[in-house]
């Protein structure tokens, strides 16, 4: 019960902090962008789709591990 209360309070604190973070980001200077290093398009290939899907699955597995919903193998 105490854990649920603490978790609920943290969400409340996060909600209070978000406007402050938004204001800091809005006031931050815009840094110049080097267009030569930007990725402007990606060709859809089986290799790219496989990489993307595996990366998404890896991130989800890590999320589950951090939240104790998936046991280490």
PDB file of N, CA and C in Angstrom:
ATOM      1  N   UNK A   1       0.824  -1.186   0.000  1.00  0.00           N
ATOM      2  CA  UNK A   1       0.000   0.000   0.000  1.00  0.00           C
ATOM      3  C   UNK A   1       0.879   1.264   0.000  1.00  0.00           C
ATOM      4  N   UNK A   2       1.901   1.257   0.807  1.00  0.00           N
ATOM      5  CA  UNK A   2       2.803   2.398   0.863  1.00  0.00           C
ATOM      6  C   UNK A   2       3.513   2.590  -0.479  1.00  0.00           C
ATOM      7  N   UNK A   3       3.874   1.462  -1.105  1.00  0.00           N
ATOM      8  CA  UNK A   3       4.523   1.528  -2.412  1.00  0.00           C
ATOM      9  C   UNK A   3       3.618   2.221  -3.425  1.00  0.00           C
ATOM     10  N   UNK A   4       2.343   1.875  -3.454  1.00  0.00           N
ATOM     11  CA  UNK A   4       1.399   2.499  -4.381  1.00  0.00           C
ATOM     12  C   UNK A   4       1.256   3.992  -4.105  1.00  0.00           C
ATOM     13  N   UNK A   5       1.236   4.358  -2.826  1.00  0.00           N
ATOM     14  CA  UNK A   5       1.141   5.767  -2.462  1.00  0.00           C
ATOM     15  C   UNK A   5       2.373   6.524  -2.957  1.00  0.00           C
ATOM     16  N   UNK A   6       3.560   5.947  -2.725  1.00  0.00           N
ATOM     17  CA  UNK A   6       4.803   6.600  -3.144  1.00  0.00           C
ATOM     18  C   UNK A   6       4.845   6.735  -4.661  1.00  0.00           C
ATOM     19  N   UNK A   7       4.401   5.695  -5.368  1.00  0.00           N
ATOM     20  CA  UNK A   7       4.394   5.751  -6.829  1.00  0.00           C
ATOM     21  C   UNK A   7       3.437   6.834  -7.315  1.00  0.00           C
ATOM     22  N   UNK A   8       2.284   6.950  -6.688  1.00  0.00           N
ATOM     23  CA  UNK A   8       1.308   7.974  -7.065  1.00  0.00           C
ATOM     24  C   UNK A   8       1.859   9.368  -6.801  1.00  0.00           C
ATOM     25  N   UNK A   9       2.553   9.549  -5.697  1.00  0.00           N
ATOM     26  CA  UNK A   9       3.134  10.849  -5.366  1.00  0.00           C
ATOM     27  C   UNK A   9       4.223  11.230  -6.362  1.00  0.00           C
ATOM     28  N   UNK A  10       4.986  10.247  -6.837  1.00  0.00           N
ATOM     29  CA  UNK A  10       6.043  10.533  -7.810  1.00  0.00           C
ATOM     30  C   UNK A  10       5.427  11.051  -9.107  1.00  0.00           C
ATOM     31  N   UNK A  11       4.316  10.457  -9.541  1.00  0.00           N
ATOM     32  CA  UNK A  11       3.649  10.949 -10.747  1.00  0.00           C
ATOM     33  C   UNK A  11       3.204  12.398 -10.555  1.00  0.00           C
ATOM     34  N   UNK A  12       2.730  12.713  -9.366  1.00  0.00           N
ATOM     35  CA  UNK A  12       2.295  14.082  -9.069  1.00  0.00           C
ATOM     36  C   UNK A  12       3.494  15.038  -9.164  1.00  0.00           C
ATOM     37  N   UNK A  13       4.632  14.629  -8.603  1.00  0.00           N
ATOM     38  CA  UNK A  13       5.832  15.467  -8.665  1.00  0.00           C
ATOM     39  C   UNK A  13       6.300  15.625 -10.109  1.00  0.00           C
ATOM     40  N   UNK A  14       6.211  14.549 -10.892  1.00  0.00           N
ATOM     41  CA  UNK A  14       6.600  14.636 -12.304  1.00  0.00           C
ATOM     42  C   UNK A  14       5.730  15.649 -13.031  1.00  0.00           C
ATOM     43  N   UNK A  15       4.430  15.640 -12.753  1.00  0.00           N
ATOM     44  CA  UNK A  15       3.519  16.579 -13.403  1.00  0.00           C
ATOM     45  C   UNK A  15       3.852  18.025 -13.031  1.00  0.00           C
ATOM     46  N   UNK A  16       4.316  18.244 -11.818  1.00  0.00           N
ATOM     47  CA  UNK A  16       4.702  19.590 -11.395  1.00  0.00           C
ATOM     48  C   UNK A  16       6.001  20.028 -12.062  1.00  0.00           C
ATOM     49  N   UNK A  17       6.872  19.086 -12.362  1.00  0.00           N
ATOM     50  CA  UNK A  17       8.174  19.400 -12.930  1.00  0.00           C
ATOM     51  C   UNK A  17       8.108  19.646 -14.442  1.00  0.00           C
ATOM     52  N   UNK A  18       7.156  19.025 -15.124  1.00  0.00           N
ATOM     53  CA  UNK A  18       7.092  19.130 -16.582  1.00  0.00           C
ATOM     54  C   UNK A  18       7.007  20.565 -17.100  1.00  0.00           C
ATOM     55  N   UNK A  19       6.167  21.444 -16.548  1.00  0.00           N
ATOM     56  CA  UNK A  19       6.142  22.825 -17.053  1.00  0.00           C
ATOM     57  C   UNK A  19       7.490  23.530 -16.915  1.00  0.00           C
ATOM     58  N   UNK A  20       8.208  23.251 -15.832  1.00  0.00           N
ATOM     59  CA  UNK A  20       9.522  23.858 -15.632  1.00  0.00           C
ATOM     60  C   UNK A  20      10.506  23.376 -16.694  1.00  0.00           C
ATOM     61  N   UNK A  21      10.486  22.089 -16.978  1.00  0.00           N
ATOM     62  CA  UNK A  21      11.367  21.534 -18.008  1.00  0.00           C
ATOM     63  C   UNK A  21      10.993  22.096 -19.376  1.00  0.00           C
ATOM     64  N   UNK A  22       9.694  22.183 -19.675  1.00  0.00           N
ATOM     65  CA  UNK A  22       9.244  22.749 -20.948  1.00  0.00           C
ATOM     66  C   UNK A  22       9.724  24.189 -21.110  1.00  0.00           C
ATOM     67  N   UNK A  23       9.657  24.967 -20.042  1.00  0.00           N
ATOM     68  CA  UNK A  23      10.100  26.364 -20.096  1.00  0.00           C
ATOM     69  C   UNK A  23      11.604  26.441 -20.342  1.00  0.00           C
ATOM     70  N   UNK A  24      12.370  25.579 -19.678  1.00  0.00           N
ATOM     71  CA  UNK A  24      13.821  25.563 -19.896  1.00  0.00           C
ATOM     72  C   UNK A  24      14.156  25.199 -21.340  1.00  0.00           C
ATOM     73  N   UNK A  25      13.450  24.231 -21.893  1.00  0.00           N
ATOM     74  CA  UNK A  25      13.695  23.837 -23.285  1.00  0.00           C
ATOM     75  C   UNK A  25      13.317  24.956 -24.248  1.00  0.00           C
ATOM     76  N   UNK A  26      12.226  25.639 -23.968  1.00  0.00           N
ATOM     77  CA  UNK A  26      11.790  26.738 -24.835  1.00  0.00           C
ATOM     78  C   UNK A  26      12.785  27.894 -24.798  1.00  0.00           C
ATOM     79  N   UNK A  27      13.428  28.113 -23.645  1.00  0.00           N
ATOM     80  CA  UNK A  27      14.381  29.207 -23.496  1.00  0.00           C
ATOM     81  C   UNK A  27      15.793  28.853 -23.960  1.00  0.00           C
ATOM     82  N   UNK A  28      16.046  27.586 -24.210  1.00  0.00           N
ATOM     83  CA  UNK A  28      17.388  27.155 -24.600  1.00  0.00           C
ATOM     84  C   UNK A  28      17.716  27.665 -26.000  1.00  0.00           C
ATOM     85  N   UNK A  29      18.959  28.064 -26.204  1.00  0.00           N
ATOM     86  CA  UNK A  29      19.343  28.535 -27.552  1.00  0.00           C
ATOM     87  C   UNK A  29      19.288  27.394 -28.556  1.00  0.00           C
ATOM     88  N   UNK A  30      18.936  27.737 -29.777  1.00  0.00           N
ATOM     89  CA  UNK A  30      18.874  26.735 -30.833  1.00  0.00           C
ATOM     90  C   UNK A  30      20.286  26.548 -31.377  1.00  0.00           C
ATOM     91  N   UNK A  31      20.744  25.321 -31.344  1.00  0.00           N
ATOM     92  CA  UNK A  31      22.093  25.024 -31.812  1.00  0.00           C
ATOM     93  C   UNK A  31      22.069  24.792 -33.321  1.00  0.00           C
ATOM     94  N   UNK A  32      23.100  25.257 -34.013  1.00  0.00           N
ATOM     95  CA  UNK A  32      23.140  25.030 -35.464  1.00  0.00           C
ATOM     96  C   UNK A  32      23.215  23.543 -35.784  1.00  0.00           C
ATOM     97  N   UNK A  33      22.612  23.168 -36.884  1.00  0.00           N
ATOM     98  CA  UNK A  33      22.571  21.766 -37.293  1.00  0.00           C
ATOM     99  C   UNK A  33      23.458  21.572 -38.511  1.00  0.00           C
ATOM    100  N   UNK A  34      24.258  20.540 -38.486  1.00  0.00           N
ATOM    101  CA  UNK A  34      25.099  20.195 -39.629  1.00  0.00           C
ATOM    102  C   UNK A  34      24.294  19.264 -40.534  1.00  0.00           C
ATOM    103  N   UNK A  35      23.712  19.829 -41.596  1.00  0.00           N
ATOM    104  CA  UNK A  35      22.849  19.056 -42.487  1.00  0.00           C
ATOM    105  C   UNK A  35      23.559  17.880 -43.145  1.00  0.00           C
ATOM    106  N   UNK A  36      24.869  17.944 -43.268  1.00  0.00           N
ATOM    107  CA  UNK A  36      25.612  16.872 -43.932  1.00  0.00           C
ATOM    108  C   UNK A  36      25.516  15.564 -43.165  1.00  0.00           C
ATOM    109  N   UNK A  37      25.272  15.627 -41.856  1.00  0.00           N
ATOM    110  CA  UNK A  37      25.226  14.411 -41.042  1.00  0.00           C
ATOM    111  C   UNK A  37      23.809  13.941 -40.720  1.00  0.00           C
ATOM    112  N   UNK A  38      22.811  14.598 -41.291  1.00  0.00           N
ATOM    113  CA  UNK A  38      21.434  14.197 -41.026  1.00  0.00           C
ATOM    114  C   UNK A  38      21.020  13.041 -41.919  1.00  0.00           C
ATOM    115  N   UNK A  39      20.272  12.109 -41.375  1.00  0.00           N
ATOM    116  CA  UNK A  39      19.675  11.039 -42.164  1.00  0.00           C
ATOM    117  C   UNK A  39      18.336  11.563 -42.647  1.00  0.00           C
ATOM    118  N   UNK A  40      18.189  11.696 -43.940  1.00  0.00           N
ATOM    119  CA  UNK A  40      16.956  12.279 -44.483  1.00  0.00           C
ATOM    120  C   UNK A  40      15.980  11.234 -44.982  1.00  0.00           C
ATOM    121  N   UNK A  41      16.460  10.027 -45.262  1.00  0.00           N
ATOM    122  CA  UNK A  41      15.550   8.962 -45.678  1.00  0.00           C
ATOM    123  C   UNK A  41      16.215   7.610 -45.436  1.00  0.00           C
ATOM    124  N   UNK A  42      15.387   6.593 -45.360  1.00  0.00           N
ATOM    125  CA  UNK A  42      15.868   5.235 -45.150  1.00  0.00           C
ATOM    126  C   UNK A  42      15.128   4.340 -46.132  1.00  0.00           C
ATOM    127  N   UNK A  43      15.877   3.555 -46.892  1.00  0.00           N
ATOM    128  CA  UNK A  43      15.236   2.616 -47.797  1.00  0.00           C
ATOM    129  C   UNK A  43      14.691   1.451 -46.992  1.00  0.00           C
ATOM    130  N   UNK A  44      13.470   1.068 -47.303  1.00  0.00           N
ATOM    131  CA  UNK A  44      12.854  -0.056 -46.610  1.00  0.00           C
ATOM    132  C   UNK A  44      13.375  -1.346 -47.233  1.00  0.00           C
ATOM    133  N   UNK A  45      14.055  -2.114 -46.413  1.00  0.00           N
ATOM    134  CA  UNK A  45      14.580  -3.409 -46.860  1.00  0.00           C
ATOM    135  C   UNK A  45      14.273  -4.435 -45.787  1.00  0.00           C
ATOM    136  N   UNK A  46      14.383  -5.684 -46.137  1.00  0.00           N
ATOM    137  CA  UNK A  46      14.172  -6.748 -45.156  1.00  0.00           C
ATOM    138  C   UNK A  46      15.193  -6.632 -44.026  1.00  0.00           C
ATOM    139  N   UNK A  47      16.429  -6.261 -44.379  1.00  0.00           N
ATOM    140  CA  UNK A  47      17.473  -6.103 -43.367  1.00  0.00           C
ATOM    141  C   UNK A  47      17.119  -4.975 -42.392  1.00  0.00           C
ATOM    142  N   UNK A  48      16.644  -3.845 -42.918  1.00  0.00           N
ATOM    143  CA  UNK A  48      16.261  -2.718 -42.066  1.00  0.00           C
ATOM    144  C   UNK A  48      15.086  -3.101 -41.173  1.00  0.00           C
ATOM    145  N   UNK A  49      14.074  -3.751 -41.755  1.00  0.00           N
ATOM    146  CA  UNK A  49      12.912  -4.163 -40.962  1.00  0.00           C
ATOM    147  C   UNK A  49      13.320  -5.126 -39.856  1.00  0.00           C
ATOM    148  N   UNK A  50      14.212  -6.047 -40.164  1.00  0.00           N
ATOM    149  CA  UNK A  50      14.690  -6.997 -39.156  1.00  0.00           C
ATOM    150  C   UNK A  50      15.437  -6.272 -38.041  1.00  0.00           C
ATOM    151  N   UNK A  51      16.316  -5.333 -38.413  1.00  0.00           N
ATOM    152  CA  UNK A  51      17.048  -4.551 -37.416  1.00  0.00           C
ATOM    153  C   UNK A  51      16.085  -3.777 -36.526  1.00  0.00           C
ATOM    154  N   UNK A  52      15.116  -3.084 -37.147  1.00  0.00           N
ATOM    155  CA  UNK A  52      14.164  -2.278 -36.397  1.00  0.00           C
ATOM    156  C   UNK A  52      13.351  -3.144 -35.438  1.00  0.00           C
ATOM    157  N   UNK A  53      12.848  -4.274 -35.929  1.00  0.00           N
ATOM    158  CA  UNK A  53      12.037  -5.153 -35.086  1.00  0.00           C
ATOM    159  C   UNK A  53      12.852  -5.726 -33.932  1.00  0.00           C
ATOM    160  N   UNK A  54      14.094  -6.142 -34.210  1.00  0.00           N
ATOM    161  CA  UNK A  54      14.937  -6.687 -33.153  1.00  0.00           C
ATOM    162  C   UNK A  54      15.264  -5.618 -32.110  1.00  0.00           C
ATOM    163  N   UNK A  55      15.542  -4.410 -32.574  1.00  0.00           N
ATOM    164  CA  UNK A  55      15.844  -3.314 -31.654  1.00  0.00           C
ATOM    165  C   UNK A  55      14.630  -3.014 -30.764  1.00  0.00           C
ATOM    166  N   UNK A  56      13.451  -2.996 -31.352  1.00  0.00           N
ATOM    167  CA  UNK A  56      12.236  -2.755 -30.563  1.00  0.00           C
ATOM    168  C   UNK A  56      12.021  -3.870 -29.546  1.00  0.00           C
ATOM    169  N   UNK A  57      12.232  -5.104 -29.947  1.00  0.00           N
ATOM    170  CA  UNK A  57      12.078  -6.231 -29.018  1.00  0.00           C
ATOM    171  C   UNK A  57      13.105  -6.170 -27.900  1.00  0.00           C
ATOM    172  N   UNK A  58      14.343  -5.798 -28.240  1.00  0.00           N
ATOM    173  CA  UNK A  58      15.387  -5.676 -27.211  1.00  0.00           C
ATOM    174  C   UNK A  58      15.030  -4.587 -26.198  1.00  0.00           C
ATOM    175  N   UNK A  59      14.535  -3.457 -26.687  1.00  0.00           N
ATOM    176  CA  UNK A  59      14.155  -2.374 -25.778  1.00  0.00           C
ATOM    177  C   UNK A  59      12.991  -2.805 -24.882  1.00  0.00           C
ATOM    178  N   UNK A  60      12.027  -3.531 -25.435  1.00  0.00           N
ATOM    179  CA  UNK A  60      10.885  -3.982 -24.640  1.00  0.00           C
ATOM    180  C   UNK A  60      11.338  -4.999 -23.595  1.00  0.00           C
ATOM    181  N   UNK A  61      12.228  -5.926 -23.983  1.00  0.00           N
ATOM    182  CA  UNK A  61      12.758  -6.895 -23.017  1.00  0.00           C
ATOM    183  C   UNK A  61      13.491  -6.193 -21.881  1.00  0.00           C
ATOM    184  N   UNK A  62      14.274  -5.172 -22.212  1.00  0.00           N
ATOM    185  CA  UNK A  62      14.994  -4.413 -21.180  1.00  0.00           C
ATOM    186  C   UNK A  62      14.011  -3.710 -20.245  1.00  0.00           C
ATOM    187  N   UNK A  63      12.942  -3.166 -20.821  1.00  0.00           N
ATOM    188  CA  UNK A  63      11.913  -2.523 -20.012  1.00  0.00           C
ATOM    189  C   UNK A  63      11.308  -3.536 -19.037  1.00  0.00           C
ATOM    190  N   UNK A  64      10.973  -4.718 -19.545  1.00  0.00           N
ATOM    191  CA  UNK A  64      10.377  -5.742 -18.684  1.00  0.00           C
ATOM    192  C   UNK A  64      11.354  -6.174 -17.596  1.00  0.00           C
ATOM    193  N   UNK A  65      12.628  -6.306 -17.932  1.00  0.00           N
ATOM    194  CA  UNK A  65      13.628  -6.687 -16.929  1.00  0.00           C
ATOM    195  C   UNK A  65      13.733  -5.640 -15.829  1.00  0.00           C
ATOM    196  N   UNK A  66      13.734  -4.377 -16.229  1.00  0.00           N
ATOM    197  CA  UNK A  66      13.854  -3.303 -15.241  1.00  0.00           C
ATOM    198  C   UNK A  66      12.644  -3.224 -14.333  1.00  0.00           C
ATOM    199  N   UNK A  67      11.524  -3.680 -14.815  1.00  0.00           N
ATOM    200  CA  UNK A  67      10.308  -3.611 -14.020  1.00  0.00           C
ATOM    201  C   UNK A  67       9.947  -4.960 -13.399  1.00  0.00           C
ATOM    202  N   UNK A  68      10.897  -5.906 -13.448  1.00  0.00           N
ATOM    203  CA  UNK A  68      10.734  -7.185 -12.759  1.00  0.00           C
ATOM    204  C   UNK A  68       9.655  -8.070 -13.315  1.00  0.00           C
ATOM    205  N   UNK A  69       9.261  -7.860 -14.563  1.00  0.00           N
ATOM    206  CA  UNK A  69       8.190  -8.660 -15.143  1.00  0.00           C
ATOM    207  C   UNK A  69       8.718  -9.812 -15.993  1.00  0.00           C
ATOM    208  N   UNK A  70      10.022  -9.877 -16.164  1.00  0.00           N
ATOM    209  CA  UNK A  70      10.630 -10.937 -16.953  1.00  0.00           C
ATOM    210  C   UNK A  70      11.854 -11.397 -16.186  1.00  0.00           C
ATOM    211  N   UNK A  71      11.915 -12.682 -15.887  1.00  0.00           N
ATOM    212  CA  UNK A  71      13.039 -13.172 -15.107  1.00  0.00           C
ATOM    213  C   UNK A  71      14.267 -13.341 -15.985  1.00  0.00           C
ATOM    214  N   UNK A  72      15.436 -13.127 -15.384  1.00  0.00           N
ATOM    215  CA  UNK A  72      16.690 -13.305 -16.105  1.00  0.00           C
ATOM    216  C   UNK A  72      16.813 -14.780 -16.481  1.00  0.00           C
ATOM    217  N   UNK A  73      17.318 -15.026 -17.690  1.00  0.00           N
ATOM    218  CA  UNK A  73      17.488 -16.419 -18.135  1.00  0.00           C
ATOM    219  C   UNK A  73      18.846 -16.923 -17.776  1.00  0.00           C
TER     220      UNK A  73
END
